[in-house]
Amino acid sequence: LAATNRLFIASGAGSCGSAWASTAAASFEGMDQNPQLVTDDTSDNQYAMGLVNAAGGFSICSVADPAPSCIGSHYRLCWSSDSQVLSDFRVDLGSFAMAGPFATYAIACILGQV
């Protein structure tokens, strides 16, 4: 691993290293940057993506093709040793899931009703 390594969280139907026509960068509120450079230390194996504090709204996330800001397991982790463009992210590290509440999802509790 090297200081030029980057990690990309992809959303959509495309695959790592594809033309990215149907792939978008995941964009969670609070995420610093995507793709992100590795933390340059002695190991070069950590990626500080930021602190996500909201993840999409219910109406845009509960569909077959959710938005790039939604919680769920529809993401791919893609890696590149020295990327210049998104098509350089050819190494597929596997799936990525973002868990948490919907940003605009509200639950009401009314006594006496189910």
PDB file of N, CA and C in Angstrom:
ATOM      1  N   LEU A   1       0.838  -1.183   0.000  1.00  0.00           N
ATOM      2  CA  LEU A   1       0.000   0.000   0.000  1.00  0.00           C
ATOM      3  C   LEU A   1       0.879   1.242   0.000  1.00  0.00           C
ATOM      4  N   ALA A   2       0.333   2.318  -0.559  1.00  0.00           N
ATOM      5  CA  ALA A   2       1.110   3.552  -0.693  1.00  0.00           C
ATOM      6  C   ALA A   2       0.233   4.766  -0.416  1.00  0.00           C
ATOM      7  N   ALA A   3       0.857   5.908  -0.244  1.00  0.00           N
ATOM      8  CA  ALA A   3       0.149   7.151   0.065  1.00  0.00           C
ATOM      9  C   ALA A   3      -0.739   7.628  -1.078  1.00  0.00           C
ATOM     10  N   THR A   4      -0.583   7.076  -2.280  1.00  0.00           N
ATOM     11  CA  THR A   4      -1.400   7.474  -3.436  1.00  0.00           C
ATOM     12  C   THR A   4      -2.682   6.646  -3.561  1.00  0.00           C
ATOM     13  N   ASN A   5      -2.871   5.639  -2.705  1.00  0.00           N
ATOM     14  CA  ASN A   5      -4.057   4.785  -2.758  1.00  0.00           C
ATOM     15  C   ASN A   5      -5.312   5.571  -2.446  1.00  0.00           C
ATOM     16  N   ARG A   6      -6.416   5.217  -3.137  1.00  0.00           N
ATOM     17  CA  ARG A   6      -7.705   5.874  -2.913  1.00  0.00           C
ATOM     18  C   ARG A   6      -8.805   4.837  -2.830  1.00  0.00           C
ATOM     19  N   LEU A   7      -9.849   5.181  -2.085  1.00  0.00           N
ATOM     20  CA  LEU A   7     -11.032   4.347  -1.946  1.00  0.00           C
ATOM     21  C   LEU A   7     -12.227   5.133  -2.463  1.00  0.00           C
ATOM     22  N   PHE A   8     -13.089   4.461  -3.220  1.00  0.00           N
ATOM     23  CA  PHE A   8     -14.265   5.085  -3.813  1.00  0.00           C
ATOM     24  C   PHE A   8     -15.497   4.274  -3.437  1.00  0.00           C
ATOM     25  N   ILE A   9     -16.515   4.918  -2.889  1.00  0.00           N
ATOM     26  CA  ILE A   9     -17.782   4.251  -2.598  1.00  0.00           C
ATOM     27  C   ILE A   9     -18.726   4.571  -3.746  1.00  0.00           C
ATOM     28  N   ALA A  10     -19.041   3.538  -4.540  1.00  0.00           N
ATOM     29  CA  ALA A  10     -19.853   3.702  -5.739  1.00  0.00           C
ATOM     30  C   ALA A  10     -21.298   3.310  -5.462  1.00  0.00           C
ATOM     31  N   SER A  11     -22.211   4.039  -6.066  1.00  0.00           N
ATOM     32  CA  SER A  11     -23.639   3.765  -5.962  1.00  0.00           C
ATOM     33  C   SER A  11     -24.184   3.591  -7.371  1.00  0.00           C
ATOM     34  N   GLY A  12     -25.063   2.626  -7.560  1.00  0.00           N
ATOM     35  CA  GLY A  12     -25.655   2.423  -8.875  1.00  0.00           C
ATOM     36  C   GLY A  12     -25.352   1.051  -9.434  1.00  0.00           C
ATOM     37  N   ALA A  13     -25.721   0.840 -10.667  1.00  0.00           N
ATOM     38  CA  ALA A  13     -25.624  -0.481 -11.289  1.00  0.00           C
ATOM     39  C   ALA A  13     -24.259  -0.771 -11.898  1.00  0.00           C
ATOM     40  N   GLY A  14     -23.408   0.225 -12.054  1.00  0.00           N
ATOM     41  CA  GLY A  14     -22.107   0.003 -12.669  1.00  0.00           C
ATOM     42  C   GLY A  14     -21.186  -0.797 -11.774  1.00  0.00           C
ATOM     43  N   SER A  15     -20.096  -1.267 -12.335  1.00  0.00           N
ATOM     44  CA  SER A  15     -19.110  -2.009 -11.563  1.00  0.00           C
ATOM     45  C   SER A  15     -17.822  -1.199 -11.475  1.00  0.00           C
ATOM     46  N   CYS A  16     -16.955  -1.577 -10.561  1.00  0.00           N
ATOM     47  CA  CYS A  16     -15.677  -0.881 -10.391  1.00  0.00           C
ATOM     48  C   CYS A  16     -14.890  -0.913 -11.691  1.00  0.00           C
ATOM     49  N   GLY A  17     -14.395   0.238 -12.120  1.00  0.00           N
ATOM     50  CA  GLY A  17     -13.594   0.330 -13.332  1.00  0.00           C
ATOM     51  C   GLY A  17     -14.393   0.416 -14.610  1.00  0.00           C
ATOM     52  N   SER A  18     -15.714   0.409 -14.509  1.00  0.00           N
ATOM     53  CA  SER A  18     -16.543   0.486 -15.714  1.00  0.00           C
ATOM     54  C   SER A  18     -16.577   1.919 -16.228  1.00  0.00           C
ATOM     55  N   ALA A  19     -17.342   2.128 -17.260  1.00  0.00           N
ATOM     56  CA  ALA A  19     -17.465   3.470 -17.835  1.00  0.00           C
ATOM     57  C   ALA A  19     -18.238   4.407 -16.911  1.00  0.00           C
ATOM     58  N   TRP A  20     -18.811   3.894 -15.858  1.00  0.00           N
ATOM     59  CA  TRP A  20     -19.519   4.675 -14.848  1.00  0.00           C
ATOM     60  C   TRP A  20     -20.754   5.388 -15.375  1.00  0.00           C
ATOM     61  N   ALA A  21     -21.291   4.916 -16.480  1.00  0.00           N
ATOM     62  CA  ALA A  21     -22.489   5.553 -17.026  1.00  0.00           C
ATOM     63  C   ALA A  21     -23.664   5.411 -16.066  1.00  0.00           C
ATOM     64  N   SER A  22     -23.730   4.297 -15.359  1.00  0.00           N
ATOM     65  CA  SER A  22     -24.855   4.074 -14.443  1.00  0.00           C
ATOM     66  C   SER A  22     -24.386   4.047 -12.992  1.00  0.00           C
ATOM     67  N   THR A  23     -23.246   4.648 -12.711  1.00  0.00           N
ATOM     68  CA  THR A  23     -22.697   4.654 -11.364  1.00  0.00           C
ATOM     69  C   THR A  23     -22.461   6.092 -10.915  1.00  0.00           C
ATOM     70  N   ALA A  24     -22.770   6.349  -9.655  1.00  0.00           N
ATOM     71  CA  ALA A  24     -22.547   7.677  -9.084  1.00  0.00           C
ATOM     72  C   ALA A  24     -21.737   7.531  -7.800  1.00  0.00           C
ATOM     73  N   ALA A  25     -21.108   8.583  -7.394  1.00  0.00           N
ATOM     74  CA  ALA A  25     -20.383   8.583  -6.128  1.00  0.00           C
ATOM     75  C   ALA A  25     -21.388   8.676  -4.986  1.00  0.00           C
ATOM     76  N   ALA A  26     -21.228   7.818  -3.982  1.00  0.00           N
ATOM     77  CA  ALA A  26     -22.056   7.926  -2.789  1.00  0.00           C
ATOM     78  C   ALA A  26     -21.828   9.304  -2.183  1.00  0.00           C
ATOM     79  N   SER A  27     -22.891   9.923  -1.696  1.00  0.00           N
ATOM     80  CA  SER A  27     -22.762  11.296  -1.186  1.00  0.00           C
ATOM     81  C   SER A  27     -23.573  11.468   0.084  1.00  0.00           C
ATOM     82  N   PHE A  28     -23.064  10.904   1.170  1.00  0.00           N
ATOM     83  CA  PHE A  28     -23.733  11.020   2.459  1.00  0.00           C
ATOM     84  C   PHE A  28     -23.422  12.372   3.089  1.00  0.00           C
ATOM     85  N   GLU A  29     -24.421  12.958   3.743  1.00  0.00           N
ATOM     86  CA  GLU A  29     -24.207  14.227   4.438  1.00  0.00           C
ATOM     87  C   GLU A  29     -23.174  14.016   5.538  1.00  0.00           C
ATOM     88  N   GLY A  30     -22.093  14.769   5.486  1.00  0.00           N
ATOM     89  CA  GLY A  30     -21.013  14.640   6.459  1.00  0.00           C
ATOM     90  C   GLY A  30     -19.793  13.921   5.907  1.00  0.00           C
ATOM     91  N   MET A  31     -19.931  13.251   4.748  1.00  0.00           N
ATOM     92  CA  MET A  31     -18.773  12.584   4.147  1.00  0.00           C
ATOM     93  C   MET A  31     -17.844  13.652   3.593  1.00  0.00           C
ATOM     94  N   ASP A  32     -16.571  13.566   3.955  1.00  0.00           N
ATOM     95  CA  ASP A  32     -15.602  14.580   3.553  1.00  0.00           C
ATOM     96  C   ASP A  32     -15.379  14.614   2.050  1.00  0.00           C
ATOM     97  N   GLN A  33     -15.018  13.483   1.475  1.00  0.00           N
ATOM     98  CA  GLN A  33     -14.670  13.441   0.061  1.00  0.00           C
ATOM     99  C   GLN A  33     -14.815  12.011  -0.434  1.00  0.00           C
ATOM    100  N   ASN A  34     -15.272  11.830  -1.638  1.00  0.00           N
ATOM    101  CA  ASN A  34     -15.406  10.514  -2.242  1.00  0.00           C
ATOM    102  C   ASN A  34     -15.080  10.628  -3.723  1.00  0.00           C
ATOM    103  N   PRO A  35     -13.968  10.086  -4.204  1.00  0.00           N
ATOM    104  CA  PRO A  35     -13.039   9.174  -3.532  1.00  0.00           C
ATOM    105  C   PRO A  35     -12.133   9.887  -2.523  1.00  0.00           C
ATOM    106  N   GLN A  36     -11.555   9.075  -1.651  1.00  0.00           N
ATOM    107  CA  GLN A  36     -10.729   9.605  -0.573  1.00  0.00           C
ATOM    108  C   GLN A  36      -9.339   8.980  -0.614  1.00  0.00           C
ATOM    109  N   LEU A  37      -8.317   9.825  -0.405  1.00  0.00           N
ATOM    110  CA  LEU A  37      -6.944   9.332  -0.286  1.00  0.00           C
ATOM    111  C   LEU A  37      -6.773   8.558   1.013  1.00  0.00           C
ATOM    112  N   VAL A  38      -5.862   7.595   1.008  1.00  0.00           N
ATOM    113  CA  VAL A  38      -5.536   6.859   2.217  1.00  0.00           C
ATOM    114  C   VAL A  38      -4.889   7.816   3.225  1.00  0.00           C
ATOM    115  N   THR A  39      -5.056   7.527   4.520  1.00  0.00           N
ATOM    116  CA  THR A  39      -4.375   8.287   5.557  1.00  0.00           C
ATOM    117  C   THR A  39      -2.889   7.941   5.461  1.00  0.00           C
ATOM    118  N   ASP A  40      -2.055   8.933   5.202  1.00  0.00           N
ATOM    119  CA  ASP A  40      -0.630   8.699   4.976  1.00  0.00           C
ATOM    120  C   ASP A  40       0.080   8.510   6.314  1.00  0.00           C
ATOM    121  N   ASP A  41       0.277   7.236   6.688  1.00  0.00           N
ATOM    122  CA  ASP A  41       1.011   6.905   7.893  1.00  0.00           C
ATOM    123  C   ASP A  41       1.916   5.708   7.579  1.00  0.00           C
ATOM    124  N   THR A  42       2.453   5.039   8.583  1.00  0.00           N
ATOM    125  CA  THR A  42       3.374   3.932   8.324  1.00  0.00           C
ATOM    126  C   THR A  42       2.701   2.740   7.659  1.00  0.00           C
ATOM    127  N   SER A  43       1.383   2.549   7.843  1.00  0.00           N
ATOM    128  CA  SER A  43       0.693   1.395   7.270  1.00  0.00           C
ATOM    129  C   SER A  43      -0.048   1.699   5.981  1.00  0.00           C
ATOM    130  N   ASP A  44      -0.486   2.937   5.787  1.00  0.00           N
ATOM    131  CA  ASP A  44      -1.275   3.322   4.610  1.00  0.00           C
ATOM    132  C   ASP A  44      -2.465   2.390   4.395  1.00  0.00           C
ATOM    133  N   ASN A  45      -3.238   2.148   5.451  1.00  0.00           N
ATOM    134  CA  ASN A  45      -4.361   1.228   5.337  1.00  0.00           C
ATOM    135  C   ASN A  45      -5.666   1.758   5.931  1.00  0.00           C
ATOM    136  N   GLN A  46      -5.756   3.065   6.198  1.00  0.00           N
ATOM    137  CA  GLN A  46      -6.967   3.653   6.760  1.00  0.00           C
ATOM    138  C   GLN A  46      -7.454   4.788   5.872  1.00  0.00           C
ATOM    139  N   TYR A  47      -8.781   4.868   5.743  1.00  0.00           N
ATOM    140  CA  TYR A  47      -9.406   5.911   4.932  1.00  0.00           C
ATOM    141  C   TYR A  47     -10.387   6.677   5.809  1.00  0.00           C
ATOM    142  N   ALA A  48     -10.133   7.950   6.056  1.00  0.00           N
ATOM    143  CA  ALA A  48     -11.013   8.783   6.875  1.00  0.00           C
ATOM    144  C   ALA A  48     -12.046   9.425   5.954  1.00  0.00           C
ATOM    145  N   MET A  49     -13.231   8.836   5.881  1.00  0.00           N
ATOM    146  CA  MET A  49     -14.259   9.295   4.951  1.00  0.00           C
ATOM    147  C   MET A  49     -15.119  10.418   5.532  1.00  0.00           C
ATOM    148  N   GLY A  50     -15.057  10.619   6.851  1.00  0.00           N
ATOM    149  CA  GLY A  50     -15.873  11.652   7.478  1.00  0.00           C
ATOM    150  C   GLY A  50     -16.875  11.027   8.436  1.00  0.00           C
ATOM    151  N   LEU A  51     -17.689  11.842   9.045  1.00  0.00           N
ATOM    152  CA  LEU A  51     -18.702  11.399   9.993  1.00  0.00           C
ATOM    153  C   LEU A  51     -20.070  11.665   9.388  1.00  0.00           C
ATOM    154  N   VAL A  52     -20.704  10.612   8.934  1.00  0.00           N
ATOM    155  CA  VAL A  52     -22.006  10.747   8.284  1.00  0.00           C
ATOM    156  C   VAL A  52     -23.064  11.016   9.348  1.00  0.00           C
ATOM    157  N   ASN A  53     -23.884  12.047   9.114  1.00  0.00           N
ATOM    158  CA  ASN A  53     -24.901  12.398  10.097  1.00  0.00           C
ATOM    159  C   ASN A  53     -26.324  12.344   9.544  1.00  0.00           C
ATOM    160  N   ALA A  54     -26.486  12.031   8.285  1.00  0.00           N
ATOM    161  CA  ALA A  54     -27.819  11.849   7.696  1.00  0.00           C
ATOM    162  C   ALA A  54     -27.658  11.041   6.422  1.00  0.00           C
ATOM    163  N   ALA A  55     -28.654  10.233   6.113  1.00  0.00           N
ATOM    164  CA  ALA A  55     -28.515   9.351   4.952  1.00  0.00           C
ATOM    165  C   ALA A  55     -29.814   9.253   4.168  1.00  0.00           C
ATOM    166  N   GLY A  56     -30.127  10.251   3.395  1.00  0.00           N
ATOM    167  CA  GLY A  56     -31.269  10.207   2.482  1.00  0.00           C
ATOM    168  C   GLY A  56     -32.626  10.236   3.143  1.00  0.00           C
ATOM    169  N   GLY A  57     -33.633  10.506   2.355  1.00  0.00           N
ATOM    170  CA  GLY A  57     -35.005  10.541   2.833  1.00  0.00           C
ATOM    171  C   GLY A  57     -35.761   9.288   2.416  1.00  0.00           C
ATOM    172  N   PHE A  58     -36.821   8.961   3.121  1.00  0.00           N
ATOM    173  CA  PHE A  58     -37.577   7.736   2.887  1.00  0.00           C
ATOM    174  C   PHE A  58     -38.099   7.653   1.454  1.00  0.00           C
ATOM    175  N   SER A  59     -38.631   8.743   0.912  1.00  0.00           N
ATOM    176  CA  SER A  59     -39.252   8.700  -0.415  1.00  0.00           C
ATOM    177  C   SER A  59     -38.244   8.436  -1.533  1.00  0.00           C
ATOM    178  N   ILE A  60     -37.008   8.870  -1.388  1.00  0.00           N
ATOM    179  CA  ILE A  60     -36.010   8.623  -2.432  1.00  0.00           C
ATOM    180  C   ILE A  60     -35.199   7.361  -2.180  1.00  0.00           C
ATOM    181  N   CYS A  61     -35.344   6.771  -0.994  1.00  0.00           N
ATOM    182  CA  CYS A  61     -34.553   5.591  -0.651  1.00  0.00           C
ATOM    183  C   CYS A  61     -35.334   4.284  -0.739  1.00  0.00           C
ATOM    184  N   SER A  62     -36.637   4.342  -0.635  1.00  0.00           N
ATOM    185  CA  SER A  62     -37.434   3.110  -0.647  1.00  0.00           C
ATOM    186  C   SER A  62     -37.927   2.791  -2.057  1.00  0.00           C
ATOM    187  N   VAL A  63     -37.013   2.821  -3.014  1.00  0.00           N
ATOM    188  CA  VAL A  63     -37.311   2.537  -4.417  1.00  0.00           C
ATOM    189  C   VAL A  63     -36.290   1.522  -4.937  1.00  0.00           C
ATOM    190  N   ALA A  64     -36.534   0.991  -6.136  1.00  0.00           N
ATOM    191  CA  ALA A  64     -35.646  -0.026  -6.708  1.00  0.00           C
ATOM    192  C   ALA A  64     -34.239   0.499  -6.987  1.00  0.00           C
ATOM    193  N   ASP A  65     -34.119   1.757  -7.369  1.00  0.00           N
ATOM    194  CA  ASP A  65     -32.821   2.365  -7.673  1.00  0.00           C
ATOM    195  C   ASP A  65     -32.622   3.579  -6.757  1.00  0.00           C
ATOM    196  N   PRO A  66     -32.186   3.357  -5.504  1.00  0.00           N
ATOM    197  CA  PRO A  66     -32.088   4.459  -4.541  1.00  0.00           C
ATOM    198  C   PRO A  66     -31.030   5.493  -4.916  1.00  0.00           C
ATOM    199  N   ALA A  67     -31.228   6.693  -4.406  1.00  0.00           N
ATOM    200  CA  ALA A  67     -30.297   7.801  -4.643  1.00  0.00           C
ATOM    201  C   ALA A  67     -28.937   7.508  -3.993  1.00  0.00           C
ATOM    202  N   PRO A  68     -27.871   8.162  -4.449  1.00  0.00           N
ATOM    203  CA  PRO A  68     -26.533   7.945  -3.891  1.00  0.00           C
ATOM    204  C   PRO A  68     -26.370   8.410  -2.445  1.00  0.00           C
ATOM    205  N   SER A  69     -27.394   9.000  -1.853  1.00  0.00           N
ATOM    206  CA  SER A  69     -27.309   9.464  -0.470  1.00  0.00           C
ATOM    207  C   SER A  69     -28.100   8.573   0.484  1.00  0.00           C
ATOM    208  N   CYS A  70     -28.598   7.440   0.015  1.00  0.00           N
ATOM    209  CA  CYS A  70     -29.490   6.592   0.818  1.00  0.00           C
ATOM    210  C   CYS A  70     -28.753   5.536   1.625  1.00  0.00           C
ATOM    211  N   ILE A  71     -29.363   5.169   2.758  1.00  0.00           N
ATOM    212  CA  ILE A  71     -28.858   4.032   3.500  1.00  0.00           C
ATOM    213  C   ILE A  71     -29.186   2.774   2.709  1.00  0.00           C
ATOM    214  N   GLY A  72     -28.455   1.708   2.954  1.00  0.00           N
ATOM    215  CA  GLY A  72     -28.715   0.447   2.277  1.00  0.00           C
ATOM    216  C   GLY A  72     -27.431  -0.254   1.890  1.00  0.00           C
ATOM    217  N   SER A  73     -27.577  -1.373   1.189  1.00  0.00           N
ATOM    218  CA  SER A  73     -26.426  -2.199   0.825  1.00  0.00           C
ATOM    219  C   SER A  73     -26.190  -2.196  -0.682  1.00  0.00           C
ATOM    220  N   HIS A  74     -26.570  -1.148  -1.358  1.00  0.00           N
ATOM    221  CA  HIS A  74     -26.452  -1.058  -2.809  1.00  0.00           C
ATOM    222  C   HIS A  74     -25.158  -0.374  -3.264  1.00  0.00           C
ATOM    223  N   TYR A  75     -24.151  -0.377  -2.441  1.00  0.00           N
ATOM    224  CA  TYR A  75     -22.887   0.286  -2.749  1.00  0.00           C
ATOM    225  C   TYR A  75     -21.780  -0.729  -3.017  1.00  0.00           C
ATOM    226  N   ARG A  76     -20.763  -0.307  -3.758  1.00  0.00           N
ATOM    227  CA  ARG A  76     -19.560  -1.094  -3.994  1.00  0.00           C
ATOM    228  C   ARG A  76     -18.366  -0.286  -3.501  1.00  0.00           C
ATOM    229  N   LEU A  77     -17.393  -0.965  -2.915  1.00  0.00           N
ATOM    230  CA  LEU A  77     -16.134  -0.333  -2.543  1.00  0.00           C
ATOM    231  C   LEU A  77     -15.134  -0.604  -3.661  1.00  0.00           C
ATOM    232  N   CYS A  78     -14.585   0.452  -4.217  1.00  0.00           N
ATOM    233  CA  CYS A  78     -13.633   0.334  -5.321  1.00  0.00           C
ATOM    234  C   CYS A  78     -12.311   0.977  -4.890  1.00  0.00           C
ATOM    235  N   TRP A  79     -11.210   0.357  -5.273  1.00  0.00           N
ATOM    236  CA  TRP A  79      -9.883   0.808  -4.856  1.00  0.00           C
ATOM    237  C   TRP A  79      -9.004   1.085  -6.062  1.00  0.00           C
ATOM    238  N   SER A  80      -8.106   2.050  -5.913  1.00  0.00           N
ATOM    239  CA  SER A  80      -7.129   2.371  -6.955  1.00  0.00           C
ATOM    240  C   SER A  80      -5.802   2.707  -6.290  1.00  0.00           C
ATOM    241  N   SER A  81      -4.708   2.271  -6.921  1.00  0.00           N
ATOM    242  CA  SER A  81      -3.388   2.560  -6.358  1.00  0.00           C
ATOM    243  C   SER A  81      -2.949   3.997  -6.639  1.00  0.00           C
ATOM    244  N   ASP A  82      -3.428   4.568  -7.742  1.00  0.00           N
ATOM    245  CA  ASP A  82      -3.041   5.939  -8.096  1.00  0.00           C
ATOM    246  C   ASP A  82      -4.029   6.456  -9.144  1.00  0.00           C
ATOM    247  N   SER A  83      -5.177   6.887  -8.710  1.00  0.00           N
ATOM    248  CA  SER A  83      -6.244   7.235  -9.645  1.00  0.00           C
ATOM    249  C   SER A  83      -6.159   8.667 -10.140  1.00  0.00           C
ATOM    250  N   GLN A  84      -6.541   8.848 -11.374  1.00  0.00           N
ATOM    251  CA  GLN A  84      -6.690  10.166 -11.976  1.00  0.00           C
ATOM    252  C   GLN A  84      -8.146  10.410 -12.353  1.00  0.00           C
ATOM    253  N   VAL A  85      -8.841   9.345 -12.738  1.00  0.00           N
ATOM    254  CA  VAL A  85     -10.256   9.404 -13.128  1.00  0.00           C
ATOM    255  C   VAL A  85     -10.980   8.217 -12.503  1.00  0.00           C
ATOM    256  N   LEU A  86     -12.321   8.265 -12.457  1.00  0.00           N
ATOM    257  CA  LEU A  86     -13.085   7.205 -11.808  1.00  0.00           C
ATOM    258  C   LEU A  86     -12.895   5.834 -12.445  1.00  0.00           C
ATOM    259  N   SER A  87     -12.609   5.779 -13.736  1.00  0.00           N
ATOM    260  CA  SER A  87     -12.400   4.480 -14.375  1.00  0.00           C
ATOM    261  C   SER A  87     -11.110   3.801 -13.912  1.00  0.00           C
ATOM    262  N   ASP A  88     -10.241   4.508 -13.170  1.00  0.00           N
ATOM    263  CA  ASP A  88      -9.034   3.903 -12.591  1.00  0.00           C
ATOM    264  C   ASP A  88      -9.347   3.008 -11.394  1.00  0.00           C
ATOM    265  N   PHE A  89     -10.537   3.125 -10.826  1.00  0.00           N
ATOM    266  CA  PHE A  89     -10.912   2.334  -9.649  1.00  0.00           C
ATOM    267  C   PHE A  89     -11.385   0.958 -10.101  1.00  0.00           C
ATOM    268  N   ARG A  90     -10.459   0.099 -10.504  1.00  0.00           N
ATOM    269  CA  ARG A  90     -10.783  -1.202 -11.095  1.00  0.00           C
ATOM    270  C   ARG A  90     -10.872  -2.336 -10.089  1.00  0.00           C
ATOM    271  N   VAL A  91     -10.316  -2.174  -8.908  1.00  0.00           N
ATOM    272  CA  VAL A  91     -10.304  -3.251  -7.926  1.00  0.00           C
ATOM    273  C   VAL A  91     -11.568  -3.174  -7.079  1.00  0.00           C
ATOM    274  N   ASP A  92     -12.395  -4.224  -7.176  1.00  0.00           N
ATOM    275  CA  ASP A  92     -13.654  -4.298  -6.435  1.00  0.00           C
ATOM    276  C   ASP A  92     -13.383  -4.973  -5.093  1.00  0.00           C
ATOM    277  N   LEU A  93     -13.526  -4.221  -4.002  1.00  0.00           N
ATOM    278  CA  LEU A  93     -13.289  -4.754  -2.661  1.00  0.00           C
ATOM    279  C   LEU A  93     -14.528  -5.407  -2.076  1.00  0.00           C
ATOM    280  N   GLY A  94     -15.663  -5.299  -2.755  1.00  0.00           N
ATOM    281  CA  GLY A  94     -16.888  -5.922  -2.269  1.00  0.00           C
ATOM    282  C   GLY A  94     -17.984  -4.911  -2.037  1.00  0.00           C
ATOM    283  N   SER A  95     -19.029  -5.382  -1.415  1.00  0.00           N
ATOM    284  CA  SER A  95     -20.185  -4.511  -1.168  1.00  0.00           C
ATOM    285  C   SER A  95     -19.959  -3.671   0.080  1.00  0.00           C
ATOM    286  N   PHE A  96     -20.718  -2.597   0.157  1.00  0.00           N
ATOM    287  CA  PHE A  96     -20.655  -1.674   1.287  1.00  0.00           C
ATOM    288  C   PHE A  96     -22.086  -1.345   1.676  1.00  0.00           C
ATOM    289  N   ALA A  97     -22.374  -1.388   2.957  1.00  0.00           N
ATOM    290  CA  ALA A  97     -23.718  -1.063   3.438  1.00  0.00           C
ATOM    291  C   ALA A  97     -23.640   0.101   4.411  1.00  0.00           C
ATOM    292  N   MET A  98     -24.549   1.052   4.253  1.00  0.00           N
ATOM    293  CA  MET A  98     -24.667   2.166   5.184  1.00  0.00           C
ATOM    294  C   MET A  98     -25.958   1.941   5.966  1.00  0.00           C
ATOM    295  N   ALA A  99     -25.846   1.853   7.270  1.00  0.00           N
ATOM    296  CA  ALA A  99     -27.013   1.631   8.112  1.00  0.00           C
ATOM    297  C   ALA A  99     -27.328   2.894   8.899  1.00  0.00           C
ATOM    298  N   GLY A 100     -28.586   3.017   9.282  1.00  0.00           N
ATOM    299  CA  GLY A 100     -28.994   4.164  10.076  1.00  0.00           C
ATOM    300  C   GLY A 100     -30.397   4.591   9.723  1.00  0.00           C
ATOM    301  N   PRO A 101     -30.914   5.565  10.390  1.00  0.00           N
ATOM    302  CA  PRO A 101     -32.281   6.008  10.105  1.00  0.00           C
ATOM    303  C   PRO A 101     -32.342   6.873   8.855  1.00  0.00           C
ATOM    304  N   PHE A 102     -33.510   6.880   8.229  1.00  0.00           N
ATOM    305  CA  PHE A 102     -33.737   7.800   7.124  1.00  0.00           C
ATOM    306  C   PHE A 102     -33.742   9.226   7.676  1.00  0.00           C
ATOM    307  N   ALA A 103     -33.254  10.166   6.885  1.00  0.00           N
ATOM    308  CA  ALA A 103     -33.150  11.551   7.349  1.00  0.00           C
ATOM    309  C   ALA A 103     -34.517  12.197   7.560  1.00  0.00           C
ATOM    310  N   THR A 104     -35.507  11.856   6.739  1.00  0.00           N
ATOM    311  CA  THR A 104     -36.809  12.511   6.835  1.00  0.00           C
ATOM    312  C   THR A 104     -37.907  11.532   7.262  1.00  0.00           C
ATOM    313  N   TYR A 105     -37.537  10.434   7.867  1.00  0.00           N
ATOM    314  CA  TYR A 105     -38.514   9.424   8.260  1.00  0.00           C
ATOM    315  C   TYR A 105     -38.988   9.717   9.665  1.00  0.00           C
ATOM    316  N   ALA A 106     -40.272   9.865   9.843  1.00  0.00           N
ATOM    317  CA  ALA A 106     -40.852  10.150  11.142  1.00  0.00           C
ATOM    318  C   ALA A 106     -41.810   9.043  11.552  1.00  0.00           C
ATOM    319  N   ILE A 107     -41.778   8.686  12.810  1.00  0.00           N
ATOM    320  CA  ILE A 107     -42.672   7.662  13.341  1.00  0.00           C
ATOM    321  C   ILE A 107     -43.551   8.321  14.395  1.00  0.00           C
ATOM    322  N   ALA A 108     -44.838   8.044  14.307  1.00  0.00           N
ATOM    323  CA  ALA A 108     -45.776   8.578  15.296  1.00  0.00           C
ATOM    324  C   ALA A 108     -46.305   7.448  16.146  1.00  0.00           C
ATOM    325  N   CYS A 109     -46.492   7.711  17.395  1.00  0.00           N
ATOM    326  CA  CYS A 109     -47.029   6.728  18.321  1.00  0.00           C
ATOM    327  C   CYS A 109     -48.303   7.318  18.936  1.00  0.00           C
ATOM    328  N   ILE A 110     -49.419   6.629  18.721  1.00  0.00           N
ATOM    329  CA  ILE A 110     -50.705   7.098  19.245  1.00  0.00           C
ATOM    330  C   ILE A 110     -51.234   6.030  20.210  1.00  0.00           C
ATOM    331  N   LEU A 111     -51.477   6.400  21.432  1.00  0.00           N
ATOM    332  CA  LEU A 111     -51.982   5.453  22.425  1.00  0.00           C
ATOM    333  C   LEU A 111     -53.326   4.873  21.981  1.00  0.00           C
ATOM    334  N   GLY A 112     -53.450   3.558  22.118  1.00  0.00           N
ATOM    335  CA  GLY A 112     -54.710   2.898  21.784  1.00  0.00           C
ATOM    336  C   GLY A 112     -54.798   2.466  20.330  1.00  0.00           C
ATOM    337  N   GLN A 113     -53.820   2.748  19.495  1.00  0.00           N
ATOM    338  CA  GLN A 113     -53.834   2.343  18.087  1.00  0.00           C
ATOM    339  C   GLN A 113     -52.645   1.456  17.785  1.00  0.00           C
ATOM    340  N   VAL A 114     -52.848   0.534  16.852  1.00  0.00           N
ATOM    341  CA  VAL A 114     -51.779  -0.355  16.444  1.00  0.00           C
ATOM    342  C   VAL A 114     -51.294   0.029  15.068  1.00  0.00           C
TER     343      VAL A 114
END
